[in-house]
Amino acid sequence: MKICALCGKEVGADKYFSRKSVCPACGGDLHICLNCRFYSETAHNKCLEPKAEHQRSRDKANFCDYFVFAEGRSSSSASSKADALKKLDDLFKK
């Protein structure tokens, strides 16, 4: 299951979609770092692929040859952070 990192909706993209492909729900680019399986907030250059070139914008289409659409991400990074902060707040509320 492929999920758009920008809106969190399921995307019906196949393995060989174009760099110009957009999400049918939000119209955002799909060939972006945020949708890649190698994207990581904690990695150097925010990418786990050491040979990948630095990308200035993580939410705009790019020409990265190492892009692989991430499978099973259920929500965008922004909502994941919000969920984590809520859980942390709930943990310490009494």
N, C-alpha and C. Protein backbone atom coordinates (compact mmCIF):
# COMPACT_ATOMS: atom_id res chain seq x y z
N MET A 1 0.84 -1.17 0.00
CA MET A 1 0.00 0.00 0.00
C MET A 1 0.89 1.24 0.00
N LYS A 2 0.68 2.10 -0.97
CA LYS A 2 1.46 3.34 -1.08
C LYS A 2 0.63 4.49 -0.55
N ILE A 3 1.22 5.29 0.31
CA ILE A 3 0.54 6.41 0.95
C ILE A 3 1.24 7.71 0.60
N CYS A 4 0.49 8.73 0.20
CA CYS A 4 1.06 10.04 -0.08
C CYS A 4 1.52 10.67 1.23
N ALA A 5 2.77 11.09 1.28
CA ALA A 5 3.31 11.70 2.50
C ALA A 5 2.74 13.09 2.75
N LEU A 6 2.18 13.71 1.74
CA LEU A 6 1.66 15.07 1.89
C LEU A 6 0.24 15.10 2.44
N CYS A 7 -0.61 14.14 2.03
CA CYS A 7 -2.00 14.18 2.49
C CYS A 7 -2.42 12.93 3.28
N GLY A 8 -1.63 11.86 3.21
CA GLY A 8 -1.95 10.64 3.95
C GLY A 8 -2.94 9.72 3.25
N LYS A 9 -3.34 10.03 2.02
CA LYS A 9 -4.29 9.20 1.28
C LYS A 9 -3.55 8.11 0.50
N GLU A 10 -4.25 7.00 0.26
CA GLU A 10 -3.67 5.90 -0.50
C GLU A 10 -3.52 6.29 -1.97
N VAL A 11 -2.40 5.85 -2.58
CA VAL A 11 -2.09 6.19 -3.96
C VAL A 11 -2.00 4.91 -4.76
N GLY A 12 -2.58 4.92 -5.95
CA GLY A 12 -2.55 3.74 -6.82
C GLY A 12 -1.41 3.80 -7.83
N ALA A 13 -0.21 4.19 -7.41
CA ALA A 13 0.94 4.29 -8.31
C ALA A 13 1.56 2.92 -8.50
N ASP A 14 1.94 2.62 -9.75
CA ASP A 14 2.62 1.35 -9.99
C ASP A 14 4.13 1.54 -9.81
N LYS A 15 4.89 0.51 -10.09
CA LYS A 15 6.34 0.53 -9.84
C LYS A 15 7.07 1.55 -10.70
N TYR A 16 6.59 1.79 -11.90
CA TYR A 16 7.29 2.66 -12.84
C TYR A 16 6.54 3.95 -13.13
N PHE A 17 6.11 4.66 -12.09
CA PHE A 17 5.40 5.91 -12.33
C PHE A 17 6.39 7.02 -12.67
N SER A 18 5.90 8.06 -13.31
CA SER A 18 6.73 9.16 -13.80
C SER A 18 7.15 10.12 -12.67
N ARG A 19 8.23 10.84 -12.91
CA ARG A 19 8.67 11.87 -11.97
C ARG A 19 7.63 12.98 -11.87
N LYS A 20 6.82 13.12 -12.89
CA LYS A 20 5.79 14.15 -12.93
C LYS A 20 4.45 13.69 -12.35
N SER A 21 4.37 12.47 -11.85
CA SER A 21 3.13 11.96 -11.29
C SER A 21 2.72 12.74 -10.06
N VAL A 22 1.42 12.93 -9.93
CA VAL A 22 0.89 13.67 -8.78
C VAL A 22 -0.15 12.83 -8.06
N CYS A 23 -0.37 13.15 -6.82
CA CYS A 23 -1.36 12.47 -6.00
C CYS A 23 -2.76 12.86 -6.49
N PRO A 24 -3.64 11.88 -6.71
CA PRO A 24 -4.99 12.21 -7.17
C PRO A 24 -5.81 12.95 -6.11
N ALA A 25 -5.46 12.80 -4.84
CA ALA A 25 -6.23 13.44 -3.77
C ALA A 25 -5.82 14.89 -3.53
N CYS A 26 -4.50 15.16 -3.43
CA CYS A 26 -4.05 16.50 -3.07
C CYS A 26 -3.33 17.24 -4.20
N GLY A 27 -2.96 16.52 -5.25
CA GLY A 27 -2.27 17.15 -6.37
C GLY A 27 -0.79 17.37 -6.13
N GLY A 28 -0.27 16.87 -5.02
CA GLY A 28 1.15 17.00 -4.70
C GLY A 28 2.01 16.03 -5.49
N ASP A 29 3.28 16.37 -5.67
CA ASP A 29 4.22 15.49 -6.36
C ASP A 29 4.39 14.18 -5.60
N LEU A 30 4.58 13.08 -6.33
CA LEU A 30 4.78 11.78 -5.69
C LEU A 30 6.25 11.37 -5.65
N HIS A 31 7.05 11.78 -6.63
CA HIS A 31 8.47 11.42 -6.68
C HIS A 31 9.24 12.40 -5.81
N ILE A 32 9.02 12.31 -4.49
CA ILE A 32 9.64 13.21 -3.52
C ILE A 32 10.32 12.40 -2.43
N CYS A 33 11.26 13.03 -1.76
CA CYS A 33 11.99 12.34 -0.69
C CYS A 33 11.05 11.80 0.40
N LEU A 34 10.03 12.57 0.74
CA LEU A 34 9.12 12.15 1.81
C LEU A 34 8.39 10.85 1.49
N ASN A 35 8.27 10.51 0.22
CA ASN A 35 7.61 9.25 -0.18
C ASN A 35 8.60 8.12 -0.40
N CYS A 36 9.89 8.36 -0.26
CA CYS A 36 10.91 7.36 -0.55
C CYS A 36 11.21 6.48 0.66
N ARG A 37 11.48 5.22 0.40
CA ARG A 37 11.80 4.30 1.50
C ARG A 37 13.15 4.63 2.14
N PHE A 38 14.02 5.36 1.44
CA PHE A 38 15.32 5.72 1.99
C PHE A 38 15.29 7.00 2.82
N TYR A 39 14.17 7.72 2.83
CA TYR A 39 14.07 8.97 3.58
C TYR A 39 14.11 8.68 5.08
N SER A 40 14.92 9.47 5.79
CA SER A 40 15.01 9.34 7.24
C SER A 40 15.38 10.69 7.84
N GLU A 41 14.63 11.14 8.82
CA GLU A 41 14.91 12.41 9.48
C GLU A 41 16.27 12.40 10.17
N THR A 42 16.71 11.24 10.62
CA THR A 42 17.93 11.16 11.42
C THR A 42 19.19 10.85 10.61
N ALA A 43 19.04 10.50 9.35
CA ALA A 43 20.20 10.14 8.53
C ALA A 43 20.89 11.39 7.97
N HIS A 44 22.16 11.23 7.60
CA HIS A 44 22.91 12.30 6.95
C HIS A 44 22.20 12.66 5.64
N ASN A 45 22.01 13.93 5.39
CA ASN A 45 21.26 14.42 4.23
C ASN A 45 19.83 13.91 4.20
N LYS A 46 19.36 13.38 5.31
CA LYS A 46 18.00 12.83 5.46
C LYS A 46 17.73 11.68 4.48
N CYS A 47 18.80 10.95 4.12
CA CYS A 47 18.67 9.84 3.18
C CYS A 47 19.55 8.68 3.63
N LEU A 48 18.99 7.47 3.63
CA LEU A 48 19.75 6.29 4.02
C LEU A 48 20.60 5.73 2.89
N GLU A 49 20.38 6.22 1.66
CA GLU A 49 21.18 5.80 0.50
C GLU A 49 22.43 6.68 0.43
N PRO A 50 23.62 6.14 0.70
CA PRO A 50 24.83 6.96 0.76
C PRO A 50 25.25 7.57 -0.57
N LYS A 51 24.83 6.99 -1.69
CA LYS A 51 25.24 7.51 -2.99
C LYS A 51 24.29 8.57 -3.54
N ALA A 52 23.16 8.76 -2.91
CA ALA A 52 22.17 9.72 -3.40
C ALA A 52 22.67 11.15 -3.22
N GLU A 53 22.36 11.98 -4.21
CA GLU A 53 22.74 13.38 -4.13
C GLU A 53 21.82 14.12 -3.17
N HIS A 54 22.36 15.19 -2.57
CA HIS A 54 21.57 16.01 -1.65
C HIS A 54 20.42 16.68 -2.41
N GLN A 55 19.24 16.63 -1.83
CA GLN A 55 18.06 17.28 -2.41
C GLN A 55 17.70 18.47 -1.53
N ARG A 56 17.56 19.63 -2.13
CA ARG A 56 17.24 20.84 -1.36
C ARG A 56 15.84 20.78 -0.77
N SER A 57 14.90 20.34 -1.56
CA SER A 57 13.52 20.30 -1.12
C SER A 57 13.05 18.86 -1.02
N ARG A 58 12.53 18.48 0.12
CA ARG A 58 12.09 17.10 0.34
C ARG A 58 10.65 16.87 -0.12
N ASP A 59 9.90 17.95 -0.36
CA ASP A 59 8.49 17.81 -0.72
C ASP A 59 8.16 18.22 -2.15
N LYS A 60 9.20 18.35 -2.99
CA LYS A 60 9.02 18.67 -4.41
C LYS A 60 9.65 17.58 -5.25
N ALA A 61 9.13 17.37 -6.46
CA ALA A 61 9.64 16.33 -7.35
C ALA A 61 11.13 16.52 -7.62
N ASN A 62 11.87 15.40 -7.70
CA ASN A 62 13.30 15.46 -7.95
C ASN A 62 13.70 14.36 -8.94
N PHE A 63 14.98 14.34 -9.30
CA PHE A 63 15.50 13.39 -10.28
C PHE A 63 16.32 12.27 -9.65
N CYS A 64 16.13 11.98 -8.39
CA CYS A 64 16.92 10.97 -7.70
C CYS A 64 16.73 9.59 -8.35
N ASP A 65 17.85 8.96 -8.70
CA ASP A 65 17.82 7.64 -9.33
C ASP A 65 17.57 6.52 -8.32
N TYR A 66 17.70 6.79 -7.04
CA TYR A 66 17.56 5.77 -6.01
C TYR A 66 16.15 5.72 -5.40
N PHE A 67 15.25 6.55 -5.91
CA PHE A 67 13.91 6.62 -5.35
C PHE A 67 13.18 5.29 -5.44
N VAL A 68 12.63 4.86 -4.32
CA VAL A 68 11.76 3.68 -4.24
C VAL A 68 10.59 4.08 -3.36
N PHE A 69 9.37 3.96 -3.87
CA PHE A 69 8.20 4.39 -3.11
C PHE A 69 8.09 3.55 -1.84
N ALA A 70 7.97 4.22 -0.72
CA ALA A 70 7.86 3.54 0.57
C ALA A 70 6.52 2.81 0.66
N GLU A 71 6.54 1.62 1.18
CA GLU A 71 5.33 0.82 1.35
C GLU A 71 4.88 0.87 2.80
N GLY A 72 3.59 1.05 3.00
CA GLY A 72 3.01 0.91 4.33
C GLY A 72 3.13 2.07 5.28
N ARG A 73 3.64 3.20 4.83
CA ARG A 73 3.62 4.37 5.72
C ARG A 73 2.19 4.83 5.83
N SER A 74 1.71 4.88 7.05
CA SER A 74 0.28 5.13 7.22
C SER A 74 -0.08 6.59 7.39
N SER A 75 0.90 7.46 7.59
CA SER A 75 0.58 8.87 7.76
C SER A 75 1.77 9.72 7.40
N SER A 76 1.54 11.00 7.23
CA SER A 76 2.61 11.93 6.90
C SER A 76 3.51 12.13 8.10
N SER A 77 4.71 12.63 7.88
CA SER A 77 5.64 12.84 8.98
C SER A 77 5.12 13.87 9.96
N ALA A 78 4.39 14.87 9.47
CA ALA A 78 3.84 15.90 10.36
C ALA A 78 2.83 15.30 11.32
N SER A 79 1.93 14.45 10.82
CA SER A 79 0.95 13.85 11.71
C SER A 79 1.58 12.81 12.62
N SER A 80 2.66 12.15 12.18
CA SER A 80 3.36 11.20 13.03
C SER A 80 3.99 11.93 14.22
N LYS A 81 4.57 13.09 13.96
CA LYS A 81 5.15 13.89 15.04
C LYS A 81 4.07 14.33 16.01
N ALA A 82 2.93 14.75 15.47
CA ALA A 82 1.82 15.19 16.32
C ALA A 82 1.32 14.04 17.19
N ASP A 83 1.21 12.84 16.59
CA ASP A 83 0.78 11.67 17.36
C ASP A 83 1.78 11.34 18.47
N ALA A 84 3.06 11.42 18.16
CA ALA A 84 4.09 11.12 19.16
C ALA A 84 4.04 12.13 20.30
N LEU A 85 3.87 13.41 19.98
CA LEU A 85 3.78 14.43 21.02
C LEU A 85 2.54 14.23 21.88
N LYS A 86 1.42 13.85 21.27
CA LYS A 86 0.20 13.59 22.04
C LYS A 86 0.40 12.43 23.00
N LYS A 87 1.04 11.35 22.53
CA LYS A 87 1.30 10.21 23.39
C LYS A 87 2.21 10.59 24.55
N LEU A 88 3.20 11.43 24.26
CA LEU A 88 4.11 11.88 25.31
C LEU A 88 3.37 12.73 26.34
N ASP A 89 2.52 13.63 25.88
CA ASP A 89 1.71 14.45 26.80
C ASP A 89 0.80 13.58 27.65
N ASP A 90 0.16 12.59 27.01
CA ASP A 90 -0.74 11.69 27.74
C ASP A 90 0.01 10.88 28.80
N LEU A 91 1.24 10.55 28.50
CA LEU A 91 2.05 9.76 29.43
C LEU A 91 2.30 10.52 30.73
N PHE A 92 2.54 11.82 30.61
CA PHE A 92 2.90 12.60 31.78
C PHE A 92 1.73 13.35 32.42
N LYS A 93 0.53 13.25 31.85
CA LYS A 93 -0.66 13.87 32.46
C LYS A 93 -1.19 12.97 33.54
N LYS A 94 -1.53 13.56 34.65
CA LYS A 94 -2.14 12.78 35.73
C LYS A 94 -3.06 13.63 36.53
